[in-house]
Amino acid sequence: MRVFVTGATGFIGTELIKGLLAAGHQVRGLTRSEQGAEQLRAAGAEAHHGDLTNLDSLRTGATGMDAVVNLAFNHDWSRFAQSAQEEIEAIGVLGGALEPGKLLVVTSGIGITAAAPGQVRVETDPAIDLPSIPRKPEHAARAVAERGVHVGIVRLPQVHDTWKQGLVTYLIQIARNKGVAAYVGDGANRWAAAPLGAVARLYQLAVEKTGAGVATYHAVGEEGVSLRAIAEATGAGLKLPVVSIAPEKAGEHFGPFGHFATLDMPASSAWTQQALGWDPAGPGLIEDLRNMQY
């Protein structure tokens, strides 16, 4: 297959490119820099210059492809709403460049999936549709599907290795700055997680196996790791005390991440594993936190 990948030199994209090439696919990767282009060419992929806000570069990159995987997102939290709108526009352009019957794979998140408190999120749960949550990749992707383009939606948990761990990376930086590793209340709220290698394999399987219509996948290896366990592993690694923060003080301590620190976001990938033959094997989040170099 001919596959165009945005975010091709990023955390997940770098691993996905390797897997796609090893499987014999022809890969074109989007990059903003010549350094990124050199990285892609060295791996055996075609480099395509542009970024998520350059819609013409997205259109030309996707034209003629059998599949497009959108991994790119601007994680500057100071402009989150703007980044979310840029993502929506990019998905529309990428999908518009594909012929009916071709495939668009987009990235969503476990945290923007609607679920009752304490409920383990499953693939059939809808995406949150609230004005207060500007990120809506799934809604944009479903609009593309109405044109006859096949759509795969990959919902990410905390994707980790010993260098990065999703939102946990920000919690580690906050712990460094504050001098304590903290959790909120009793710390029993949970975040789903999955190792980087397994997540990259899931994207590859989504490219190879997604059929007509819209399929939603959960890239989940561990259904839920408690925030207390995360704080304890972080505190041990940083050699800092571990403390509980009162819920009303979460915003003061964690800043923009105060809301996330209180969320309970467990999720299952049972259907995904069966549908794709996916094995999320790999190190657990706490194992990676214990083995990282702080």
C-alpha atoms as a PDB file:
ATOM      1  CA  MET A   1       0.000   0.000   0.000  1.00  0.00           C
ATOM      2  CA  ARG A   2       0.968   3.628  -0.500  1.00  0.00           C
ATOM      3  CA  VAL A   3       0.679   5.298   2.919  1.00  0.00           C
ATOM      4  CA  PHE A   4       1.013   8.978   3.839  1.00  0.00           C
ATOM      5  CA  VAL A   5       1.822   9.644   7.511  1.00  0.00           C
ATOM      6  CA  THR A   6       1.645  13.013   9.255  1.00  0.00           C
ATOM      7  CA  GLY A   7       3.672  13.333  12.435  1.00  0.00           C
ATOM      8  CA  ALA A   8       6.009  10.898  10.715  1.00  0.00           C
ATOM      9  CA  THR A   9       9.099  11.835  12.714  1.00  0.00           C
ATOM     10  CA  GLY A  10       7.286  12.070  16.046  1.00  0.00           C
ATOM     11  CA  PHE A  11       7.009   9.730  19.020  1.00  0.00           C
ATOM     12  CA  ILE A  12       4.611   7.207  17.467  1.00  0.00           C
ATOM     13  CA  GLY A  13       5.256   8.109  13.832  1.00  0.00           C
ATOM     14  CA  THR A  14       8.914   7.094  13.922  1.00  0.00           C
ATOM     15  CA  GLU A  15       7.991   3.594  15.115  1.00  0.00           C
ATOM     16  CA  LEU A  16       5.060   3.288  12.714  1.00  0.00           C
ATOM     17  CA  ILE A  17       7.220   4.204   9.713  1.00  0.00           C
ATOM     18  CA  LYS A  18       9.649   1.399  10.588  1.00  0.00           C
ATOM     19  CA  GLY A  19       6.861  -1.158  10.801  1.00  0.00           C
ATOM     20  CA  LEU A  20       5.154  -0.079   7.584  1.00  0.00           C
ATOM     21  CA  LEU A  21       8.401  -0.192   5.619  1.00  0.00           C
ATOM     22  CA  ALA A  22       9.367  -3.569   7.064  1.00  0.00           C
ATOM     23  CA  ALA A  23       5.984  -4.898   5.909  1.00  0.00           C
ATOM     24  CA  GLY A  24       6.679  -3.743   2.339  1.00  0.00           C
ATOM     25  CA  HIS A  25       4.482  -0.658   2.196  1.00  0.00           C
ATOM     26  CA  GLN A  26       5.524   2.479   0.319  1.00  0.00           C
ATOM     27  CA  VAL A  27       5.584   5.328   2.827  1.00  0.00           C
ATOM     28  CA  ARG A  28       5.503   9.113   2.422  1.00  0.00           C
ATOM     29  CA  GLY A  29       6.077  11.086   5.620  1.00  0.00           C
ATOM     30  CA  LEU A  30       5.205  14.690   6.383  1.00  0.00           C
ATOM     31  CA  THR A  31       8.007  16.747   7.901  1.00  0.00           C
ATOM     32  CA  ARG A  32       8.603  20.406   8.699  1.00  0.00           C
ATOM     33  CA  SER A  33      12.396  20.311   8.600  1.00  0.00           C
ATOM     34  CA  GLU A  34      15.282  19.108   6.486  1.00  0.00           C
ATOM     35  CA  GLN A  35      16.515  17.142   9.494  1.00  0.00           C
ATOM     36  CA  GLY A  36      13.190  15.317   9.537  1.00  0.00           C
ATOM     37  CA  ALA A  37      13.422  14.743   5.796  1.00  0.00           C
ATOM     38  CA  GLU A  38      16.871  13.200   6.212  1.00  0.00           C
ATOM     39  CA  GLN A  39      15.524  10.934   8.970  1.00  0.00           C
ATOM     40  CA  LEU A  40      12.694   9.730   6.713  1.00  0.00           C
ATOM     41  CA  ARG A  41      14.938   9.139   3.710  1.00  0.00           C
ATOM     42  CA  ALA A  42      17.442   7.257   5.858  1.00  0.00           C
ATOM     43  CA  ALA A  43      14.629   4.958   7.000  1.00  0.00           C
ATOM     44  CA  GLY A  44      13.592   4.336   3.394  1.00  0.00           C
ATOM     45  CA  ALA A  45      10.528   6.601   3.241  1.00  0.00           C
ATOM     46  CA  GLU A  46       9.721   9.494   0.936  1.00  0.00           C
ATOM     47  CA  ALA A  47       9.927  12.901   2.626  1.00  0.00           C
ATOM     48  CA  HIS A  48       7.142  15.411   2.005  1.00  0.00           C
ATOM     49  CA  HIS A  49       7.666  18.945   3.324  1.00  0.00           C
ATOM     50  CA  GLY A  50       4.811  20.728   5.090  1.00  0.00           C
ATOM     51  CA  ASP A  51       2.868  20.794   8.347  1.00  0.00           C
ATOM     52  CA  LEU A  52      -0.639  20.500   9.729  1.00  0.00           C
ATOM     53  CA  THR A  53      -1.442  24.166   9.056  1.00  0.00           C
ATOM     54  CA  ASN A  54      -0.220  24.057   5.437  1.00  0.00           C
ATOM     55  CA  LEU A  55      -3.358  22.605   3.893  1.00  0.00           C
ATOM     56  CA  ASP A  56      -1.896  22.553   0.397  1.00  0.00           C
ATOM     57  CA  SER A  57       0.973  20.358   1.628  1.00  0.00           C
ATOM     58  CA  LEU A  58      -1.538  17.986   3.221  1.00  0.00           C
ATOM     59  CA  ARG A  59      -3.612  17.829   0.040  1.00  0.00           C
ATOM     60  CA  THR A  60      -0.656  17.062  -2.213  1.00  0.00           C
ATOM     61  CA  GLY A  61       0.775  14.598   0.297  1.00  0.00           C
ATOM     62  CA  ALA A  62      -2.456  12.607   0.483  1.00  0.00           C
ATOM     63  CA  THR A  63      -3.267  12.669  -3.231  1.00  0.00           C
ATOM     64  CA  GLY A  64      -2.826   9.266  -4.849  1.00  0.00           C
ATOM     65  CA  MET A  65      -2.355   7.428  -1.554  1.00  0.00           C
ATOM     66  CA  ASP A  66      -4.141   4.229  -0.537  1.00  0.00           C
ATOM     67  CA  ALA A  67      -4.135   5.263   3.116  1.00  0.00           C
ATOM     68  CA  VAL A  68      -3.417   8.312   5.241  1.00  0.00           C
ATOM     69  CA  VAL A  69      -2.518   8.189   8.946  1.00  0.00           C
ATOM     70  CA  ASN A  70      -2.880  11.475  10.813  1.00  0.00           C
ATOM     71  CA  LEU A  71      -0.615  11.474  13.876  1.00  0.00           C
ATOM     72  CA  ALA A  72       0.263  15.169  13.920  1.00  0.00           C
ATOM     73  CA  PHE A  73      -1.065  17.495  16.620  1.00  0.00           C
ATOM     74  CA  ASN A  74       0.358  20.683  18.128  1.00  0.00           C
ATOM     75  CA  HIS A  75       0.697  19.988  21.866  1.00  0.00           C
ATOM     76  CA  ASP A  76       1.249  23.634  22.847  1.00  0.00           C
ATOM     77  CA  TRP A  77      -1.307  23.751  25.672  1.00  0.00           C
ATOM     78  CA  SER A  78      -1.466  27.559  25.563  1.00  0.00           C
ATOM     79  CA  ARG A  79      -3.223  27.331  22.168  1.00  0.00           C
ATOM     80  CA  PHE A  80      -5.148  24.090  22.590  1.00  0.00           C
ATOM     81  CA  ALA A  81      -8.418  25.334  21.078  1.00  0.00           C
ATOM     82  CA  GLN A  82      -6.592  26.662  18.013  1.00  0.00           C
ATOM     83  CA  SER A  83      -4.689  23.392  17.608  1.00  0.00           C
ATOM     84  CA  ALA A  84      -7.962  21.474  17.850  1.00  0.00           C
ATOM     85  CA  GLN A  85      -9.474  23.574  15.060  1.00  0.00           C
ATOM     86  CA  GLU A  86      -6.377  23.075  12.922  1.00  0.00           C
ATOM     87  CA  GLU A  87      -6.716  19.321  13.419  1.00  0.00           C
ATOM     88  CA  ILE A  88     -10.351  19.378  12.298  1.00  0.00           C
ATOM     89  CA  GLU A  89      -9.447  21.319   9.154  1.00  0.00           C
ATOM     90  CA  ALA A  90      -6.510  19.024   8.419  1.00  0.00           C
ATOM     91  CA  ILE A  91      -8.659  15.887   8.705  1.00  0.00           C
ATOM     92  CA  GLY A  92     -11.143  17.392   6.264  1.00  0.00           C
ATOM     93  CA  VAL A  93      -8.427  18.179   3.735  1.00  0.00           C
ATOM     94  CA  LEU A  94      -6.694  14.803   4.088  1.00  0.00           C
ATOM     95  CA  GLY A  95      -9.964  12.951   3.709  1.00  0.00           C
ATOM     96  CA  GLY A  96     -11.013  15.149   0.803  1.00  0.00           C
ATOM     97  CA  ALA A  97      -7.859  14.216  -1.105  1.00  0.00           C
ATOM     98  CA  LEU A  98      -8.615  10.496  -0.847  1.00  0.00           C
ATOM     99  CA  GLU A  99     -10.750   8.635  -3.348  1.00  0.00           C
ATOM    100  CA  PRO A 100     -13.804   6.728  -2.068  1.00  0.00           C
ATOM    101  CA  GLY A 101     -12.730   3.294  -0.869  1.00  0.00           C
ATOM    102  CA  LYS A 102      -9.346   4.536   0.330  1.00  0.00           C
ATOM    103  CA  LEU A 103      -8.503   4.772   4.037  1.00  0.00           C
ATOM    104  CA  LEU A 104      -8.079   7.584   6.550  1.00  0.00           C
ATOM    105  CA  VAL A 105      -6.798   6.712  10.037  1.00  0.00           C
ATOM    106  CA  VAL A 106      -7.113   9.493  12.617  1.00  0.00           C
ATOM    107  CA  THR A 107      -5.929   9.862  16.193  1.00  0.00           C
ATOM    108  CA  SER A 108      -8.309  10.470  19.075  1.00  0.00           C
ATOM    109  CA  GLY A 109      -8.011   9.952  22.818  1.00  0.00           C
ATOM    110  CA  ILE A 110      -9.464   7.855  25.603  1.00  0.00           C
ATOM    111  CA  GLY A 111      -9.903  11.083  27.563  1.00  0.00           C
ATOM    112  CA  ILE A 112     -12.352  12.556  25.039  1.00  0.00           C
ATOM    113  CA  THR A 113     -14.599   9.495  25.085  1.00  0.00           C
ATOM    114  CA  ALA A 114     -17.975   9.816  26.806  1.00  0.00           C
ATOM    115  CA  ALA A 115     -18.423   7.505  29.793  1.00  0.00           C
ATOM    116  CA  ALA A 116     -20.166   7.475  33.158  1.00  0.00           C
ATOM    117  CA  PRO A 117     -17.992   7.965  36.271  1.00  0.00           C
ATOM    118  CA  GLY A 118     -16.090   4.769  37.012  1.00  0.00           C
ATOM    119  CA  GLN A 119     -17.085   3.178  33.699  1.00  0.00           C
ATOM    120  CA  VAL A 120     -14.431   1.382  31.686  1.00  0.00           C
ATOM    121  CA  ARG A 121     -14.548   2.980  28.245  1.00  0.00           C
ATOM    122  CA  VAL A 122     -15.133   0.660  25.283  1.00  0.00           C
ATOM    123  CA  GLU A 123     -14.867   1.138  21.539  1.00  0.00           C
ATOM    124  CA  THR A 124     -18.609   1.651  21.057  1.00  0.00           C
ATOM    125  CA  ASP A 125     -18.727   4.609  23.465  1.00  0.00           C
ATOM    126  CA  PRO A 126     -19.191   7.894  21.570  1.00  0.00           C
ATOM    127  CA  ALA A 127     -16.771  10.781  21.558  1.00  0.00           C
ATOM    128  CA  ILE A 128     -17.589  13.681  23.857  1.00  0.00           C
ATOM    129  CA  ASP A 129     -19.481  16.430  22.043  1.00  0.00           C
ATOM    130  CA  LEU A 130     -19.352  19.504  24.263  1.00  0.00           C
ATOM    131  CA  PRO A 131     -18.460  23.149  23.494  1.00  0.00           C
ATOM    132  CA  SER A 132     -15.986  23.034  26.392  1.00  0.00           C
ATOM    133  CA  ILE A 133     -14.001  20.243  24.629  1.00  0.00           C
ATOM    134  CA  PRO A 134     -12.753  21.773  21.345  1.00  0.00           C
ATOM    135  CA  ARG A 135     -10.896  18.705  20.111  1.00  0.00           C
ATOM    136  CA  LYS A 136     -13.213  16.716  17.810  1.00  0.00           C
ATOM    137  CA  PRO A 137     -11.172  14.472  15.485  1.00  0.00           C
ATOM    138  CA  GLU A 138     -13.795  11.744  15.495  1.00  0.00           C
ATOM    139  CA  HIS A 139     -16.559  14.068  14.338  1.00  0.00           C
ATOM    140  CA  ALA A 140     -14.334  15.338  11.529  1.00  0.00           C
ATOM    141  CA  ALA A 141     -13.433  11.786  10.506  1.00  0.00           C
ATOM    142  CA  ARG A 142     -17.056  10.654  10.408  1.00  0.00           C
ATOM    143  CA  ALA A 143     -17.833  13.546   8.070  1.00  0.00           C
ATOM    144  CA  VAL A 144     -15.102  12.228   5.752  1.00  0.00           C
ATOM    145  CA  ALA A 145     -16.651   8.740   5.886  1.00  0.00           C
ATOM    146  CA  GLU A 146     -19.852  10.134   4.398  1.00  0.00           C
ATOM    147  CA  ARG A 147     -17.916  10.518   1.122  1.00  0.00           C
ATOM    148  CA  GLY A 148     -17.237   6.775   1.009  1.00  0.00           C
ATOM    149  CA  VAL A 149     -13.722   6.977   2.443  1.00  0.00           C
ATOM    150  CA  HIS A 150     -12.984   4.164   4.899  1.00  0.00           C
ATOM    151  CA  VAL A 151     -12.153   5.500   8.364  1.00  0.00           C
ATOM    152  CA  GLY A 152     -10.220   4.078  11.311  1.00  0.00           C
ATOM    153  CA  ILE A 153     -10.179   5.957  14.618  1.00  0.00           C
ATOM    154  CA  VAL A 154      -7.406   5.134  17.099  1.00  0.00           C
ATOM    155  CA  ARG A 155      -8.048   6.309  20.644  1.00  0.00           C
ATOM    156  CA  LEU A 156      -4.819   6.740  22.560  1.00  0.00           C
ATOM    157  CA  PRO A 157      -4.255   6.237  26.304  1.00  0.00           C
ATOM    158  CA  GLN A 158      -0.969   7.246  27.976  1.00  0.00           C
ATOM    159  CA  VAL A 159       1.552   5.955  25.432  1.00  0.00           C
ATOM    160  CA  HIS A 160       4.882   5.262  27.067  1.00  0.00           C
ATOM    161  CA  ASP A 161       8.464   4.131  26.873  1.00  0.00           C
ATOM    162  CA  THR A 162      11.352   5.098  29.155  1.00  0.00           C
ATOM    163  CA  TRP A 163      11.564   8.586  27.587  1.00  0.00           C
ATOM    164  CA  LYS A 164       7.961   9.784  27.260  1.00  0.00           C
ATOM    165  CA  GLN A 165       4.675   8.767  28.895  1.00  0.00           C
ATOM    166  CA  GLY A 166       1.844  10.912  27.539  1.00  0.00           C
ATOM    167  CA  LEU A 167       0.369  13.217  30.192  1.00  0.00           C
ATOM    168  CA  VAL A 168       2.574  11.543  32.808  1.00  0.00           C
ATOM    169  CA  THR A 169       5.538  13.365  31.256  1.00  0.00           C
ATOM    170  CA  TYR A 170       3.958  16.664  32.315  1.00  0.00           C
ATOM    171  CA  LEU A 171       3.260  15.344  35.813  1.00  0.00           C
ATOM    172  CA  ILE A 172       6.941  14.445  36.133  1.00  0.00           C
ATOM    173  CA  GLN A 173       7.957  17.992  35.188  1.00  0.00           C
ATOM    174  CA  ILE A 174       5.488  19.425  37.697  1.00  0.00           C
ATOM    175  CA  ALA A 175       6.958  17.148  40.385  1.00  0.00           C
ATOM    176  CA  ARG A 176      10.444  18.447  39.573  1.00  0.00           C
ATOM    177  CA  ASN A 177       9.247  22.045  39.790  1.00  0.00           C
ATOM    178  CA  LYS A 178       7.196  21.600  42.977  1.00  0.00           C
ATOM    179  CA  GLY A 179       9.572  19.283  44.832  1.00  0.00           C
ATOM    180  CA  VAL A 180       6.864  16.671  45.484  1.00  0.00           C
ATOM    181  CA  ALA A 181       5.224  13.921  43.437  1.00  0.00           C
ATOM    182  CA  ALA A 182       1.505  14.380  43.931  1.00  0.00           C
ATOM    183  CA  TYR A 183      -1.842  12.741  43.312  1.00  0.00           C
ATOM    184  CA  VAL A 184      -5.345  14.044  44.053  1.00  0.00           C
ATOM    185  CA  GLY A 185      -7.398  12.728  46.975  1.00  0.00           C
ATOM    186  CA  ASP A 186      -6.833   9.016  47.458  1.00  0.00           C
ATOM    187  CA  GLY A 187      -5.226   8.722  44.004  1.00  0.00           C
ATOM    188  CA  ALA A 188      -7.535   5.867  43.032  1.00  0.00           C
ATOM    189  CA  ASN A 189      -8.481   7.449  39.689  1.00  0.00           C
ATOM    190  CA  ARG A 190      -6.971   5.520  36.781  1.00  0.00           C
ATOM    191  CA  TRP A 191      -5.391   6.239  33.423  1.00  0.00           C
ATOM    192  CA  ALA A 192      -5.300   3.601  30.699  1.00  0.00           C
ATOM    193  CA  ALA A 193      -1.848   3.040  29.187  1.00  0.00           C
ATOM    194  CA  ALA A 194       0.025   1.167  26.467  1.00  0.00           C
ATOM    195  CA  PRO A 195       3.689   0.723  25.461  1.00  0.00           C
ATOM    196  CA  LEU A 196       4.919   2.627  22.399  1.00  0.00           C
ATOM    197  CA  GLY A 197       5.821  -0.443  20.337  1.00  0.00           C
ATOM    198  CA  ALA A 198       2.374  -1.983  20.776  1.00  0.00           C
ATOM    199  CA  VAL A 199       0.653   1.262  19.803  1.00  0.00           C
ATOM    200  CA  ALA A 200       2.705   1.551  16.609  1.00  0.00           C
ATOM    201  CA  ARG A 201       1.744  -2.044  15.762  1.00  0.00           C
ATOM    202  CA  LEU A 202      -1.923  -1.209  16.240  1.00  0.00           C
ATOM    203  CA  TYR A 203      -1.720   1.695  13.768  1.00  0.00           C
ATOM    204  CA  GLN A 204      -0.099  -0.617  11.227  1.00  0.00           C
ATOM    205  CA  LEU A 205      -2.852  -3.206  11.686  1.00  0.00           C
ATOM    206  CA  ALA A 206      -5.460  -0.469  11.319  1.00  0.00           C
ATOM    207  CA  VAL A 207      -3.891   0.487   7.985  1.00  0.00           C
ATOM    208  CA  GLU A 208      -3.826  -3.099   6.792  1.00  0.00           C
ATOM    209  CA  LYS A 209      -7.188  -4.359   8.074  1.00  0.00           C
ATOM    210  CA  THR A 210      -9.723  -1.520   8.344  1.00  0.00           C
ATOM    211  CA  GLY A 211     -12.599  -2.024   5.924  1.00  0.00           C
ATOM    212  CA  ALA A 212     -15.594   0.034   4.809  1.00  0.00           C
ATOM    213  CA  GLY A 213     -17.371   2.393   7.170  1.00  0.00           C
ATOM    214  CA  VAL A 214     -15.933   3.616  10.466  1.00  0.00           C
ATOM    215  CA  ALA A 215     -14.011   1.432  12.923  1.00  0.00           C
ATOM    216  CA  THR A 216     -12.943   2.681  16.344  1.00  0.00           C
ATOM    217  CA  TYR A 217      -9.941   1.103  18.052  1.00  0.00           C
ATOM    218  CA  HIS A 218      -8.586   1.417  21.594  1.00  0.00           C
ATOM    219  CA  ALA A 219      -4.792   1.342  21.832  1.00  0.00           C
ATOM    220  CA  VAL A 220      -4.956   0.094  25.418  1.00  0.00           C
ATOM    221  CA  GLY A 221      -2.600  -2.361  27.075  1.00  0.00           C
ATOM    222  CA  GLU A 222      -3.427  -1.664  30.730  1.00  0.00           C
ATOM    223  CA  GLU A 223      -7.051  -0.782  31.487  1.00  0.00           C
ATOM    224  CA  GLY A 224      -6.103   1.573  34.286  1.00  0.00           C
ATOM    225  CA  VAL A 225      -3.057   2.550  36.330  1.00  0.00           C
ATOM    226  CA  SER A 226      -3.840   4.560  39.460  1.00  0.00           C
ATOM    227  CA  LEU A 227      -2.520   8.087  39.782  1.00  0.00           C
ATOM    228  CA  ARG A 228      -1.208   7.173  43.214  1.00  0.00           C
ATOM    229  CA  ALA A 229       0.920   4.367  41.715  1.00  0.00           C
ATOM    230  CA  ILE A 230       2.159   6.793  39.050  1.00  0.00           C
ATOM    231  CA  ALA A 231       3.071   9.390  41.689  1.00  0.00           C
ATOM    232  CA  GLU A 232       4.838   6.785  43.817  1.00  0.00           C
ATOM    233  CA  ALA A 233       6.932   5.581  40.864  1.00  0.00           C
ATOM    234  CA  THR A 234       7.720   9.175  39.915  1.00  0.00           C
ATOM    235  CA  GLY A 235       8.633  10.090  43.486  1.00  0.00           C
ATOM    236  CA  ALA A 236      10.975   7.116  43.740  1.00  0.00           C
ATOM    237  CA  GLY A 237      12.657   8.024  40.468  1.00  0.00           C
ATOM    238  CA  LEU A 238      13.063  11.702  41.365  1.00  0.00           C
ATOM    239  CA  LYS A 239      13.804  10.937  45.031  1.00  0.00           C
ATOM    240  CA  LEU A 240      10.971  13.233  46.099  1.00  0.00           C
ATOM    241  CA  PRO A 241       8.264  12.824  48.745  1.00  0.00           C
ATOM    242  CA  VAL A 242       4.850  11.628  47.553  1.00  0.00           C
ATOM    243  CA  VAL A 243       1.849  13.641  48.752  1.00  0.00           C
ATOM    244  CA  SER A 244      -1.912  13.808  48.361  1.00  0.00           C
ATOM    245  CA  ILE A 245      -3.439  17.071  47.130  1.00  0.00           C
ATOM    246  CA  ALA A 246      -6.973  18.008  48.145  1.00  0.00           C
ATOM    247  CA  PRO A 247      -9.320  18.081  45.117  1.00  0.00           C
ATOM    248  CA  GLU A 248     -10.011  21.806  45.558  1.00  0.00           C
ATOM    249  CA  LYS A 249      -6.248  22.451  45.388  1.00  0.00           C
ATOM    250  CA  ALA A 250      -5.626  20.422  42.209  1.00  0.00           C
ATOM    251  CA  GLY A 251      -5.722  23.444  39.911  1.00  0.00           C
ATOM    252  CA  GLU A 252      -3.342  25.381  42.127  1.00  0.00           C
ATOM    253  CA  HIS A 253      -0.810  22.530  42.236  1.00  0.00           C
ATOM    254  CA  PHE A 254      -1.046  21.078  38.730  1.00  0.00           C
ATOM    255  CA  GLY A 255      -1.939  24.243  36.805  1.00  0.00           C
ATOM    256  CA  PRO A 256      -3.484  23.480  33.398  1.00  0.00           C
ATOM    257  CA  PHE A 257      -3.268  19.758  34.188  1.00  0.00           C
ATOM    258  CA  GLY A 258      -5.363  19.998  37.360  1.00  0.00           C
ATOM    259  CA  HIS A 259      -8.446  18.751  35.514  1.00  0.00           C
ATOM    260  CA  PHE A 260      -6.594  15.773  34.018  1.00  0.00           C
ATOM    261  CA  ALA A 261      -5.116  14.840  37.393  1.00  0.00           C
ATOM    262  CA  THR A 262      -8.619  14.244  38.743  1.00  0.00           C
ATOM    263  CA  LEU A 263      -9.971  12.242  35.781  1.00  0.00           C
ATOM    264  CA  ASP A 264     -10.735   8.537  35.972  1.00  0.00           C
ATOM    265  CA  MET A 265     -10.026   7.234  32.448  1.00  0.00           C
ATOM    266  CA  PRO A 266      -9.918   3.420  32.424  1.00  0.00           C
ATOM    267  CA  ALA A 267     -10.528   1.725  29.075  1.00  0.00           C
ATOM    268  CA  SER A 268     -10.748  -1.704  27.494  1.00  0.00           C
ATOM    269  CA  SER A 269      -9.291  -2.882  24.179  1.00  0.00           C
ATOM    270  CA  ALA A 270     -10.972  -6.298  24.121  1.00  0.00           C
ATOM    271  CA  TRP A 271     -12.831  -5.644  20.859  1.00  0.00           C
ATOM    272  CA  THR A 272      -9.768  -4.082  19.218  1.00  0.00           C
ATOM    273  CA  GLN A 273      -7.595  -7.065  20.073  1.00  0.00           C
ATOM    274  CA  GLN A 274     -10.149  -9.444  18.591  1.00  0.00           C
ATOM    275  CA  ALA A 275     -10.913  -7.378  15.490  1.00  0.00           C
ATOM    276  CA  LEU A 276      -7.297  -6.730  14.514  1.00  0.00           C
ATOM    277  CA  GLY A 277      -5.530  -9.704  16.074  1.00  0.00           C
ATOM    278  CA  TRP A 278      -3.582  -7.129  18.067  1.00  0.00           C
ATOM    279  CA  ASP A 279      -1.382  -8.085  21.018  1.00  0.00           C
ATOM    280  CA  PRO A 280      -0.621  -5.111  23.294  1.00  0.00           C
ATOM    281  CA  ALA A 281       2.292  -6.923  24.922  1.00  0.00           C
ATOM    282  CA  GLY A 282       5.134  -4.835  26.258  1.00  0.00           C
ATOM    283  CA  PRO A 283       6.331  -3.205  29.460  1.00  0.00           C
ATOM    284  CA  GLY A 284       3.751  -1.658  31.762  1.00  0.00           C
ATOM    285  CA  LEU A 285       3.655   2.052  32.556  1.00  0.00           C
ATOM    286  CA  ILE A 286       5.062   1.624  36.072  1.00  0.00           C
ATOM    287  CA  GLU A 287       7.847  -0.602  34.734  1.00  0.00           C
ATOM    288  CA  ASP A 288       8.873   2.079  32.241  1.00  0.00           C
ATOM    289  CA  LEU A 289       8.703   4.772  34.923  1.00  0.00           C
ATOM    290  CA  ARG A 290      10.980   2.696  37.144  1.00  0.00           C
ATOM    291  CA  ASN A 291      13.477   2.162  34.335  1.00  0.00           C
ATOM    292  CA  MET A 292      13.699   5.696  32.954  1.00  0.00           C
ATOM    293  CA  GLN A 293      16.625   8.004  33.546  1.00  0.00           C
ATOM    294  CA  TYR A 294      15.344  10.911  35.622  1.00  0.00           C
END
